[in-house]
Every structure is written in C-alpha cells, then in structure tokens.
N, C-alpha and C. Protein backbone atom coordinates (compact mmCIF):
# COMPACT_ATOMS: atom_id res chain seq x y z
N UNK A 1 -74.84 -14.77 -11.68
CA UNK A 1 -74.51 -13.52 -12.73
C UNK A 1 -72.67 -12.75 -13.11
N UNK A 2 -72.44 -14.20 -12.50
CA UNK A 2 -70.77 -14.31 -13.18
C UNK A 2 -71.44 -14.29 -14.22
N UNK A 3 -71.13 -14.20 -15.13
CA UNK A 3 -71.08 -13.82 -17.00
C UNK A 3 -71.48 -12.41 -16.78
N UNK A 4 -72.89 -12.37 -16.72
CA UNK A 4 -73.81 -10.22 -16.97
C UNK A 4 -72.77 -9.65 -16.27
N UNK A 5 -71.36 -9.42 -14.79
CA UNK A 5 -71.07 -9.06 -14.85
C UNK A 5 -69.78 -9.26 -15.16
N UNK A 6 -69.13 -9.64 -15.22
CA UNK A 6 -67.76 -10.33 -15.91
C UNK A 6 -66.87 -10.56 -14.32
N UNK A 7 -67.44 -11.46 -13.61
CA UNK A 7 -66.94 -11.63 -12.25
C UNK A 7 -65.92 -12.98 -12.33
N UNK A 8 -64.95 -12.67 -12.30
CA UNK A 8 -63.88 -13.61 -12.76
C UNK A 8 -63.19 -14.13 -10.65
N UNK A 9 -62.99 -13.90 -9.88
CA UNK A 9 -63.09 -13.20 -8.79
C UNK A 9 -63.89 -12.90 -7.29
N UNK A 10 -64.13 -14.26 -6.30
CA UNK A 10 -65.01 -13.65 -5.65
C UNK A 10 -63.79 -13.56 -3.52
N UNK A 11 -64.38 -12.50 -2.84
CA UNK A 11 -63.67 -12.44 -1.76
C UNK A 11 -64.50 -12.84 -0.41
N UNK A 12 -64.16 -13.98 0.27
CA UNK A 12 -64.67 -13.88 1.63
C UNK A 12 -63.95 -14.13 2.90
N UNK A 13 -65.02 -12.56 3.14
CA UNK A 13 -63.79 -12.38 4.87
C UNK A 13 -64.78 -13.02 5.88
N UNK A 14 -64.99 -14.35 5.64
CA UNK A 14 -66.40 -14.91 6.78
C UNK A 14 -65.50 -16.03 7.47
N UNK A 15 -65.88 -16.89 8.22
CA UNK A 15 -66.10 -18.09 8.76
C UNK A 15 -67.33 -18.50 10.25
N UNK A 16 -67.02 -19.53 10.36
CA UNK A 16 -68.17 -20.34 11.43
C UNK A 16 -66.70 -19.79 12.60
N UNK A 17 -65.93 -20.08 12.92
CA UNK A 17 -64.81 -20.20 14.70
C UNK A 17 -64.98 -21.57 14.21
N UNK A 18 -64.78 -23.05 13.62
CA UNK A 18 -64.32 -23.92 14.32
C UNK A 18 -63.14 -24.58 13.88
N UNK A 19 -62.50 -25.41 13.83
CA UNK A 19 -62.03 -25.64 13.23
C UNK A 19 -61.35 -27.87 13.01
N UNK A 20 -61.57 -27.04 11.06
CA UNK A 20 -62.03 -28.52 10.60
C UNK A 20 -60.21 -28.82 9.50
N UNK A 21 -60.22 -30.40 9.31
CA UNK A 21 -58.71 -30.78 8.86
C UNK A 21 -59.81 -30.84 8.03
N UNK A 22 -60.47 -31.08 7.09
CA UNK A 22 -61.12 -32.20 5.85
C UNK A 22 -62.32 -31.61 5.44
N UNK A 23 -62.78 -31.74 4.33
CA UNK A 23 -64.19 -30.69 4.03
C UNK A 23 -65.26 -31.83 3.98
N UNK A 24 -64.69 -33.81 3.98
CA UNK A 24 -65.36 -34.85 3.51
C UNK A 24 -67.22 -34.28 4.22
N UNK A 25 -67.07 -34.00 5.32
CA UNK A 25 -68.77 -33.65 6.31
C UNK A 25 -69.53 -32.49 5.46
N UNK A 26 -69.25 -32.64 4.42
CA UNK A 26 -69.76 -30.89 4.09
C UNK A 26 -69.95 -31.63 2.83
N UNK A 27 -69.67 -32.50 2.13
CA UNK A 27 -69.68 -33.12 0.70
C UNK A 27 -71.39 -32.56 -0.12
N UNK A 28 -72.59 -32.45 0.94
CA UNK A 28 -73.67 -31.86 0.51
C UNK A 28 -74.30 -30.75 0.73
N UNK A 29 -72.94 -29.77 1.55
CA UNK A 29 -73.00 -28.26 1.87
C UNK A 29 -73.73 -27.45 0.26
N UNK A 30 -74.93 -27.16 0.52
CA UNK A 30 -75.47 -26.04 -0.73
C UNK A 30 -74.06 -24.47 -0.93
N UNK A 31 -73.89 -24.52 -0.26
CA UNK A 31 -72.41 -23.37 -0.28
C UNK A 31 -71.51 -23.91 -0.96
N UNK A 32 -70.99 -25.23 -0.39
CA UNK A 32 -69.70 -25.59 -1.28
C UNK A 32 -70.07 -25.72 -2.67
N UNK A 33 -71.11 -26.39 -2.91
CA UNK A 33 -71.83 -26.43 -4.23
C UNK A 33 -71.18 -24.92 -5.06
N UNK A 34 -71.86 -24.60 -4.84
CA UNK A 34 -72.32 -23.25 -5.23
C UNK A 34 -71.20 -22.32 -5.75
N UNK A 35 -69.62 -22.93 -4.56
CA UNK A 35 -69.05 -22.16 -4.75
C UNK A 35 -67.76 -23.43 -6.02
N UNK A 36 -68.39 -24.26 -5.70
CA UNK A 36 -67.16 -25.72 -6.69
C UNK A 36 -68.14 -25.17 -8.08
N UNK A 37 -68.81 -24.36 -8.08
CA UNK A 37 -69.57 -24.46 -9.43
C UNK A 37 -68.86 -22.94 -9.95
N UNK A 38 -69.15 -21.89 -9.66
CA UNK A 38 -67.98 -20.94 -9.31
C UNK A 38 -65.96 -21.27 -9.64
N UNK A 39 -65.26 -22.51 -9.25
CA UNK A 39 -64.56 -22.75 -9.73
C UNK A 39 -64.46 -23.23 -10.90
N UNK A 40 -65.57 -24.29 -11.61
CA UNK A 40 -65.19 -25.09 -12.39
C UNK A 40 -65.56 -23.88 -13.90
N UNK A 41 -66.20 -22.25 -13.54
CA UNK A 41 -66.83 -21.96 -14.13
C UNK A 41 -64.98 -20.50 -14.20
N UNK A 42 -63.74 -20.93 -13.84
CA UNK A 42 -63.00 -19.54 -13.82
C UNK A 42 -62.88 -19.08 -12.77
N UNK A 43 -63.58 -18.79 -11.84
CA UNK A 43 -64.49 -18.16 -10.77
C UNK A 43 -62.85 -18.23 -9.55
N UNK A 44 -62.67 -17.19 -9.21
CA UNK A 44 -61.56 -17.77 -7.68
C UNK A 44 -62.29 -17.23 -6.46
N UNK A 45 -62.24 -18.48 -5.47
CA UNK A 45 -63.38 -17.82 -4.43
C UNK A 45 -62.26 -17.61 -3.53
N UNK A 46 -61.76 -16.78 -2.62
CA UNK A 46 -60.70 -16.69 -1.99
C UNK A 46 -61.37 -16.07 -0.59
N UNK A 47 -61.25 -17.11 0.86
CA UNK A 47 -62.08 -17.49 1.65
C UNK A 47 -60.83 -17.28 2.95
N UNK A 48 -61.13 -15.86 3.54
CA UNK A 48 -60.51 -16.57 5.36
C UNK A 48 -60.07 -17.20 6.18
N UNK A 49 -58.66 -17.56 5.98
CA UNK A 49 -58.72 -19.25 7.30
C UNK A 49 -58.94 -19.39 8.30
N UNK A 50 -59.26 -18.08 8.82
CA UNK A 50 -60.35 -18.25 10.23
C UNK A 50 -58.92 -17.63 11.15
N UNK A 51 -59.52 -16.74 12.40
CA UNK A 51 -59.01 -16.33 13.56
C UNK A 51 -58.93 -17.07 14.79
N UNK A 52 -58.93 -17.99 15.30
CA UNK A 52 -59.11 -18.44 16.48
C UNK A 52 -58.19 -20.19 16.00
N UNK A 53 -56.59 -19.60 15.87
CA UNK A 53 -55.37 -20.64 16.20
C UNK A 53 -55.73 -20.95 17.73
N UNK A 54 -55.60 -20.02 18.52
CA UNK A 54 -55.24 -20.14 20.11
C UNK A 54 -56.87 -20.77 20.47
N UNK A 55 -58.04 -20.29 20.40
CA UNK A 55 -58.65 -20.96 20.54
C UNK A 55 -58.83 -22.57 21.00
N UNK A 56 -58.16 -22.89 19.89
CA UNK A 56 -57.99 -24.32 19.55
C UNK A 56 -56.95 -24.53 19.99
N UNK A 57 -56.75 -24.42 21.27
CA UNK A 57 -55.32 -24.59 21.45
C UNK A 57 -54.10 -24.85 20.08
N UNK A 58 -54.46 -24.06 19.59
CA UNK A 58 -53.06 -23.86 18.33
C UNK A 58 -52.46 -25.70 17.40
N UNK A 59 -53.96 -25.58 17.59
CA UNK A 59 -54.45 -26.80 16.96
C UNK A 59 -54.58 -26.70 15.19
N UNK A 60 -54.09 -27.66 14.89
CA UNK A 60 -53.97 -27.29 13.00
C UNK A 60 -55.55 -26.70 12.68
N UNK A 61 -55.93 -26.06 11.22
CA UNK A 61 -56.98 -26.50 11.09
C UNK A 61 -57.60 -25.15 10.62
N UNK A 62 -59.12 -25.14 9.81
CA UNK A 62 -59.17 -24.02 9.17
C UNK A 62 -61.51 -23.70 9.48
N UNK A 63 -61.11 -22.52 9.04
CA UNK A 63 -62.87 -22.72 9.56
C UNK A 63 -64.06 -23.11 8.05
N UNK A 64 -64.83 -23.22 8.29
CA UNK A 64 -65.77 -23.32 7.34
C UNK A 64 -66.46 -21.82 6.61
N UNK A 65 -66.40 -21.29 6.13
CA UNK A 65 -66.43 -22.16 4.35
C UNK A 65 -64.65 -22.50 3.70
N UNK A 66 -63.12 -21.95 4.53
CA UNK A 66 -61.84 -21.78 4.06
C UNK A 66 -62.04 -23.29 3.90
N UNK A 67 -61.96 -24.10 4.50
CA UNK A 67 -61.30 -25.68 4.07
C UNK A 67 -61.43 -26.06 3.34
N UNK A 68 -62.92 -25.85 2.38
CA UNK A 68 -63.63 -26.35 1.47
C UNK A 68 -62.29 -26.62 0.17
N UNK A 69 -62.15 -27.90 -0.09
CA UNK A 69 -60.64 -27.65 -1.56
C UNK A 69 -61.33 -27.24 -2.92
N UNK A 70 -62.18 -26.26 -3.02
CA UNK A 70 -61.87 -25.57 -4.04
C UNK A 70 -62.80 -24.28 -3.41
N UNK A 71 -61.81 -23.45 -2.28
CA UNK A 71 -61.64 -22.32 -2.62
C UNK A 71 -59.82 -22.27 -2.46
N UNK A 72 -59.76 -20.81 -2.65
CA UNK A 72 -58.15 -20.69 -2.60
C UNK A 72 -58.61 -19.86 -0.68
N UNK A 73 -57.89 -20.72 0.05
CA UNK A 73 -57.83 -20.39 1.93
C UNK A 73 -56.65 -19.31 2.06
N UNK A 74 -56.38 -18.80 3.07
CA UNK A 74 -56.07 -17.13 2.73
C UNK A 74 -55.11 -17.05 4.05
N UNK A 75 -54.45 -17.21 4.85
CA UNK A 75 -54.15 -17.26 7.19
C UNK A 75 -53.50 -15.85 5.92
N UNK A 76 -52.91 -14.93 7.99
CA UNK A 76 -52.77 -14.12 7.80
C UNK A 76 -50.50 -13.41 8.70
N UNK A 77 -50.58 -13.11 7.86
CA UNK A 77 -49.11 -13.18 8.64
C UNK A 77 -48.81 -11.13 8.57
N UNK A 78 -47.83 -10.85 9.06
CA UNK A 78 -46.98 -9.93 9.26
C UNK A 78 -46.59 -9.19 8.20
N UNK A 79 -46.48 -8.08 7.59
CA UNK A 79 -45.73 -7.40 6.86
C UNK A 79 -44.71 -7.04 7.20
N UNK A 80 -43.77 -7.28 8.82
CA UNK A 80 -43.00 -6.04 9.03
C UNK A 80 -42.48 -5.71 10.83
N UNK A 81 -41.54 -5.44 11.18
CA UNK A 81 -41.74 -5.80 12.23
C UNK A 81 -42.38 -4.55 13.23
N UNK A 82 -43.46 -4.90 13.82
CA UNK A 82 -44.18 -3.77 14.34
C UNK A 82 -44.24 -4.09 15.77
N UNK A 83 -43.70 -4.72 16.17
CA UNK A 83 -43.18 -4.85 17.80
C UNK A 83 -44.39 -6.47 18.33
N UNK A 84 -44.77 -6.65 19.87
CA UNK A 84 -45.30 -7.14 20.30
C UNK A 84 -47.29 -6.96 20.46
N UNK A 85 -47.80 -7.88 19.81
CA UNK A 85 -49.41 -8.27 19.98
C UNK A 85 -50.11 -8.92 21.12
N UNK A 86 -50.71 -7.65 21.80
CA UNK A 86 -52.05 -8.87 22.46
C UNK A 86 -53.59 -8.98 22.28
N UNK A 87 -54.13 -10.14 21.40
CA UNK A 87 -55.24 -9.82 20.94
C UNK A 87 -56.18 -10.49 22.02
N UNK A 88 -57.14 -9.16 22.89
CA UNK A 88 -57.85 -10.27 23.77
C UNK A 88 -59.52 -10.62 23.13
N UNK A 89 -60.04 -10.22 23.67
CA UNK A 89 -61.54 -10.56 23.23
C UNK A 89 -61.33 -11.48 21.41
N UNK A 90 -61.06 -9.95 20.67
CA UNK A 90 -61.20 -10.96 19.63
C UNK A 90 -60.37 -11.77 19.13
N UNK A 91 -59.15 -11.83 19.52
CA UNK A 91 -58.28 -12.73 19.37
C UNK A 91 -58.51 -13.80 20.25
N UNK A 92 -58.78 -13.79 21.33
CA UNK A 92 -59.50 -14.51 22.54
C UNK A 92 -57.62 -15.53 23.13
N UNK A 93 -57.17 -14.42 23.25
CA UNK A 93 -56.06 -13.97 23.98
C UNK A 93 -54.79 -14.61 23.52
N UNK A 94 -54.85 -14.93 22.31
CA UNK A 94 -53.70 -15.08 21.12
C UNK A 94 -52.69 -13.54 21.28
N UNK A 95 -51.29 -14.30 21.78
CA UNK A 95 -50.32 -12.91 21.90
C UNK A 95 -48.53 -13.47 20.66
N UNK A 96 -48.02 -12.51 21.05
CA UNK A 96 -47.03 -11.97 20.14
C UNK A 96 -46.08 -11.78 21.28
N UNK A 97 -44.62 -11.80 20.79
CA UNK A 97 -44.06 -11.16 22.12
C UNK A 97 -42.95 -9.85 21.13
N UNK A 98 -42.73 -10.78 19.59
CA UNK A 98 -42.40 -9.96 18.50
C UNK A 98 -42.97 -10.74 17.02
N UNK A 99 -42.84 -9.18 16.23
CA UNK A 99 -43.67 -9.35 15.33
C UNK A 99 -42.31 -9.89 14.57
N UNK A 100 -42.38 -9.85 12.48
CA UNK A 100 -41.58 -9.88 12.02
C UNK A 100 -42.59 -10.51 10.27
N UNK A 101 -41.67 -9.55 9.60
CA UNK A 101 -42.74 -10.16 8.06
C UNK A 101 -42.85 -11.29 7.78
N UNK A 102 -43.70 -11.58 7.61
CA UNK A 102 -44.03 -13.36 7.20
C UNK A 102 -43.74 -13.98 8.04
N UNK A 103 -44.19 -13.43 9.29
CA UNK A 103 -44.00 -13.86 10.38
C UNK A 103 -45.42 -14.42 10.77
N UNK A 104 -46.24 -15.95 10.58
CA UNK A 104 -47.67 -16.67 11.23
C UNK A 104 -47.98 -15.37 12.58
N UNK A 105 -49.17 -14.78 11.60
CA UNK A 105 -49.43 -14.59 13.33
C UNK A 105 -50.06 -14.90 14.28
N UNK A 106 -50.07 -15.11 15.73
CA UNK A 106 -50.84 -15.63 16.72
C UNK A 106 -52.15 -15.99 16.30
N UNK A 107 -52.87 -15.50 15.64
CA UNK A 107 -55.24 -15.85 15.77
C UNK A 107 -54.92 -16.80 14.56
N UNK A 108 -54.15 -16.74 13.70
CA UNK A 108 -54.30 -17.24 12.16
C UNK A 108 -54.65 -18.75 12.04
N UNK A 109 -55.67 -19.53 11.53
CA UNK A 109 -55.90 -20.78 11.66
C UNK A 109 -55.29 -20.84 10.20
N UNK A 110 -54.14 -22.02 10.87
CA UNK A 110 -53.92 -22.97 9.23
C UNK A 110 -53.84 -24.10 9.49
N UNK A 111 -53.32 -24.79 8.50
CA UNK A 111 -53.94 -26.53 7.95
C UNK A 111 -52.04 -26.77 6.92
N UNK A 112 -51.62 -27.19 7.26
CA UNK A 112 -49.88 -27.88 7.18
C UNK A 112 -50.36 -28.36 5.82
N UNK A 113 -49.98 -28.17 4.41
CA UNK A 113 -50.33 -30.11 3.83
C UNK A 113 -49.98 -31.46 4.34
N UNK A 114 -49.06 -31.71 5.58
CA UNK A 114 -48.51 -32.59 6.00
C UNK A 114 -49.35 -33.83 6.79
N UNK A 115 -50.46 -32.19 6.83
CA UNK A 115 -51.34 -32.97 7.83
C UNK A 115 -53.16 -32.25 7.03
N UNK A 116 -53.70 -32.50 5.41
CA UNK A 116 -53.96 -32.67 4.25
C UNK A 116 -53.31 -31.33 3.10
N UNK A 117 -52.89 -32.36 3.06
CA UNK A 117 -52.40 -31.32 1.14
C UNK A 117 -53.82 -31.23 0.16
N UNK A 118 -55.07 -31.84 0.18
CA UNK A 118 -56.02 -31.05 -0.39
C UNK A 118 -56.52 -30.24 0.49
N UNK A 119 -56.91 -29.98 1.44
CA UNK A 119 -57.71 -28.98 1.93
C UNK A 119 -56.47 -27.92 2.70
N UNK A 120 -55.04 -28.39 2.49
CA UNK A 120 -54.11 -27.34 3.11
C UNK A 120 -53.82 -25.79 2.90
N UNK A 121 -53.96 -24.99 3.60
CA UNK A 121 -54.39 -23.19 3.39
C UNK A 121 -53.09 -23.02 2.18
N UNK A 122 -53.70 -22.55 1.15
CA UNK A 122 -53.08 -22.41 -0.38
C UNK A 122 -51.93 -20.79 -0.26
N UNK A 123 -51.92 -20.27 0.20
CA UNK A 123 -51.65 -19.09 0.88
C UNK A 123 -51.00 -18.34 2.15
N UNK A 124 -50.00 -17.72 2.70
CA UNK A 124 -50.41 -16.20 3.19
C UNK A 124 -50.70 -14.88 3.06
N UNK A 125 -51.39 -13.63 3.65
CA UNK A 125 -51.00 -12.62 3.20
C UNK A 125 -50.81 -11.68 4.10
N UNK A 126 -50.20 -10.50 3.89
CA UNK A 126 -50.52 -9.61 5.00
C UNK A 126 -51.86 -8.74 5.93
N UNK A 127 -51.88 -9.72 7.17
CA UNK A 127 -52.95 -9.31 7.66
C UNK A 127 -53.31 -9.05 9.16
N UNK A 128 -52.04 -8.57 9.35
CA UNK A 128 -51.50 -7.25 10.76
C UNK A 128 -50.45 -6.58 10.56
N UNK A 129 -50.51 -5.76 11.83
CA UNK A 129 -51.45 -4.37 11.44
C UNK A 129 -52.38 -4.29 9.90
N UNK A 130 -53.06 -4.19 9.58
CA UNK A 130 -54.00 -3.90 8.28
C UNK A 130 -54.26 -2.24 8.41
N UNK A 131 -53.88 -0.53 7.36
CA UNK A 131 -54.53 0.21 8.06
C UNK A 131 -55.86 0.21 7.00
N UNK A 132 -56.99 0.62 6.94
CA UNK A 132 -58.41 0.28 5.79
C UNK A 132 -58.71 2.06 6.60
N UNK A 133 -60.15 1.99 5.53
CA UNK A 133 -60.82 2.93 5.57
C UNK A 133 -61.28 2.30 6.98
N UNK A 134 -62.15 2.95 7.33
CA UNK A 134 -63.06 3.08 9.46
C UNK A 134 -63.72 4.30 10.10
N UNK A 135 -63.53 4.38 10.92
CA UNK A 135 -64.73 5.11 11.17
C UNK A 135 -63.73 5.75 12.61
N UNK A 136 -62.70 5.09 13.09
CA UNK A 136 -62.21 5.32 14.68
C UNK A 136 -61.48 6.76 14.48
N UNK A 137 -61.43 7.06 13.37
CA UNK A 137 -60.70 8.71 14.16
C UNK A 137 -60.59 9.44 12.82
N UNK A 138 -59.77 10.92 12.57
CA UNK A 138 -60.49 11.93 12.10
C UNK A 138 -60.03 11.87 10.06
N UNK A 139 -59.40 10.83 10.51
CA UNK A 139 -58.99 10.82 8.96
C UNK A 139 -59.46 9.49 8.13
N UNK A 140 -60.09 8.36 8.90
CA UNK A 140 -61.27 7.53 8.39
C UNK A 140 -60.55 6.53 8.49
N UNK A 141 -59.58 6.23 9.52
CA UNK A 141 -58.87 4.99 9.53
C UNK A 141 -59.56 4.31 10.16
N UNK A 142 -58.69 2.50 9.85
CA UNK A 142 -59.11 2.21 11.32
C UNK A 142 -58.01 1.02 11.06
N UNK A 143 -57.15 0.76 12.48
CA UNK A 143 -56.22 -0.53 11.65
C UNK A 143 -56.99 -1.97 12.17
N UNK A 144 -56.78 -3.19 12.25
CA UNK A 144 -57.55 -4.06 12.02
C UNK A 144 -56.31 -5.25 11.35
N UNK A 145 -56.81 -6.33 12.03
CA UNK A 145 -55.69 -7.25 12.43
C UNK A 145 -56.75 -8.63 12.20
N UNK A 146 -56.43 -9.39 11.29
CA UNK A 146 -56.80 -11.06 10.34
C UNK A 146 -56.77 -11.63 9.28
N UNK A 147 -57.52 -12.67 9.04
CA UNK A 147 -57.25 -13.15 8.16
C UNK A 147 -58.32 -12.84 7.30
N UNK A 148 -59.57 -11.81 8.01
CA UNK A 148 -60.81 -11.41 6.55
C UNK A 148 -58.97 -9.69 6.39
N UNK A 149 -58.00 -9.31 6.45
CA UNK A 149 -57.34 -8.69 6.26
C UNK A 149 -57.04 -8.80 5.11
N UNK A 150 -56.59 -9.94 4.95
CA UNK A 150 -55.12 -11.05 4.18
C UNK A 150 -56.14 -11.40 3.29
N UNK A 151 -57.19 -12.17 3.39
CA UNK A 151 -57.55 -12.32 2.19
C UNK A 151 -58.20 -11.55 0.37
N UNK A 152 -58.64 -9.96 0.69
CA UNK A 152 -58.53 -9.36 0.29
C UNK A 152 -56.98 -8.52 -1.08
N UNK A 153 -56.04 -8.67 -0.02
CA UNK A 153 -54.21 -9.01 -0.56
C UNK A 153 -54.56 -10.37 -1.76
N UNK A 154 -54.80 -11.47 -1.64
CA UNK A 154 -54.68 -12.24 -2.63
C UNK A 154 -56.07 -12.33 -3.72
N UNK A 155 -57.30 -11.41 -3.78
CA UNK A 155 -58.26 -11.81 -4.53
C UNK A 155 -57.91 -10.91 -5.63
N UNK A 156 -56.94 -9.98 -4.81
CA UNK A 156 -56.91 -8.57 -5.75
C UNK A 156 -55.63 -9.13 -6.67
N UNK A 157 -54.70 -9.80 -6.09
CA UNK A 157 -52.97 -10.26 -6.77
C UNK A 157 -53.80 -11.37 -7.46
N UNK A 158 -55.17 -12.32 -7.44
CA UNK A 158 -55.34 -13.15 -8.12
C UNK A 158 -56.03 -12.09 -9.17
N UNK A 159 -56.57 -11.10 -9.19
CA UNK A 159 -57.42 -10.39 -10.64
C UNK A 159 -56.26 -10.14 -11.48
N UNK A 160 -54.77 -9.87 -10.76
CA UNK A 160 -53.62 -8.78 -11.73
C UNK A 160 -53.43 -10.13 -12.84
N UNK A 161 -53.58 -11.48 -11.98
CA UNK A 161 -53.04 -12.13 -12.60
C UNK A 161 -53.24 -13.26 -13.76
N UNK A 162 -55.04 -12.91 -13.68
CA UNK A 162 -56.36 -13.31 -14.39
C UNK A 162 -55.62 -12.63 -15.70
N UNK A 163 -55.72 -10.88 -15.67
CA UNK A 163 -55.36 -10.14 -15.83
C UNK A 163 -54.60 -10.15 -17.06
N UNK A 164 -53.54 -9.81 -17.35
CA UNK A 164 -52.24 -10.67 -17.78
C UNK A 164 -52.99 -12.13 -18.51
N UNK A 165 -53.35 -13.02 -17.67
CA UNK A 165 -53.38 -14.42 -18.50
C UNK A 165 -53.87 -13.98 -20.33
N UNK A 166 -55.12 -13.35 -19.88
CA UNK A 166 -56.74 -13.06 -20.42
C UNK A 166 -55.87 -12.05 -21.45
N UNK A 167 -55.01 -11.05 -21.17
CA UNK A 167 -53.66 -10.27 -22.07
C UNK A 167 -53.22 -10.87 -22.67
N UNK A 168 -52.15 -11.90 -22.74
CA UNK A 168 -51.39 -12.92 -23.19
C UNK A 168 -51.99 -14.42 -23.49
N UNK A 169 -52.95 -14.34 -23.33
CA UNK A 169 -53.76 -16.36 -23.65
C UNK A 169 -54.95 -15.99 -24.64
N UNK A 170 -55.99 -14.46 -24.32
CA UNK A 170 -57.01 -14.54 -24.98
C UNK A 170 -58.55 -15.22 -23.70
N UNK A 171 -58.43 -15.99 -22.89
CA UNK A 171 -58.74 -16.49 -22.29
C UNK A 171 -58.62 -16.78 -21.46
N UNK A 172 -59.03 -16.81 -19.62
CA UNK A 172 -59.16 -16.72 -18.45
C UNK A 172 -58.31 -17.86 -18.11
N UNK A 173 -57.57 -18.12 -16.83
CA UNK A 173 -57.25 -19.10 -15.85
C UNK A 173 -57.75 -20.15 -15.36
N UNK A 174 -57.26 -20.97 -15.57
CA UNK A 174 -58.05 -22.13 -14.29
C UNK A 174 -57.82 -21.88 -12.89
N UNK A 175 -58.50 -21.64 -11.59
CA UNK A 175 -58.33 -21.89 -10.50
C UNK A 175 -57.07 -22.33 -9.90
N UNK A 176 -56.98 -23.94 -10.37
CA UNK A 176 -55.42 -24.75 -10.40
C UNK A 176 -54.73 -24.20 -11.16
N UNK A 177 -54.27 -23.56 -11.75
CA UNK A 177 -53.45 -22.46 -12.43
C UNK A 177 -52.77 -21.16 -11.89
N UNK A 178 -53.85 -20.97 -11.44
CA UNK A 178 -53.63 -19.40 -10.72
C UNK A 178 -53.22 -20.26 -9.37
N UNK A 179 -53.58 -21.34 -8.15
CA UNK A 179 -53.13 -21.90 -7.15
C UNK A 179 -51.66 -21.51 -7.32
C-alpha cells in the first residue's frame, strides 16, 4: 500500500525486550525483509530502541526490530529538568536522581557506534515525561515514559524533512540522506 496511500514513513513503537548488538542472526527474518523493501522505496521505518537497558544490567544493545540496520532506531532522552524518576515494574527498577535536557533516560536501550557502527542507535528524542492523549484524567491526558514516545517525534521530523526535500527537488530523499 506504499504507493496507493503515499506512505513515506512508518513508526513502530514496539520491541521484543531483547538486547542485541548486531542483526546478523536476523538475516532471513520476514519482518526485516519487509522493512528493507520499504527502505529501498525511500520509506523511513522508525523503531523504538527499547526500554530494557536497566533490565540488561546496563549493557548496550537494542531490541528487535530496532537492531535492524534498515531501521531508524530511536532512544529516549529527557527534554527538561523534571527532577527524579523511578521506573518500577514498567522500567524494571531503573531510576534517576536528576533529569535534564538531552540526558538519556535510565531505561532507554542504546548502542554506541564504537560497539557496532552499522546497527548503532541513530538518534535520541524526547521520550520522558511525555503528555499525550489518554484516559487517566478528566482532561483526556496521559503521561508516559519510553522509547515508544520518542519514536513518533522522529517520525514527524523525518516527514517534515521529506516534505521540504520534495518541495525543493521534486523527489523524495533516500533514508540514508535523511539519517
């Protein structure tokens, strides 16, 4: 449906809770093949890096499918000084005594390019605390923390970049150009 609906970006806020440093064991994965087809068609597939950094003893890595080199993987940072946070069950015990702009959240999985430059985490975006639609109060708002909140921020930025590039050149940029 990419052409039928003019799809240029896909946002996937999901993961398998694993902690991978490369994608070689997923060479024949069917989801990876679909993501690769989209990327080759200039569709950016943005994927949340995962929220299990603390669970994996603070070892670098990302969940499936963010680990795929064909994705634009997104980790979470704070966008303001909001104080301390403790992530009980949902964050598996991660906590911070102080948050600050651009500080990586303690739950956000990440993979530095010195460990694997091919499957590294591409970018970080505000992912905690994020006020969104929800049913937790009379204002229909919900406050969430996670890489699933950061991924749509990047998907939106990529859409804006695609729109600008299309207007200036008459064609879509490749995902490599966007990255």
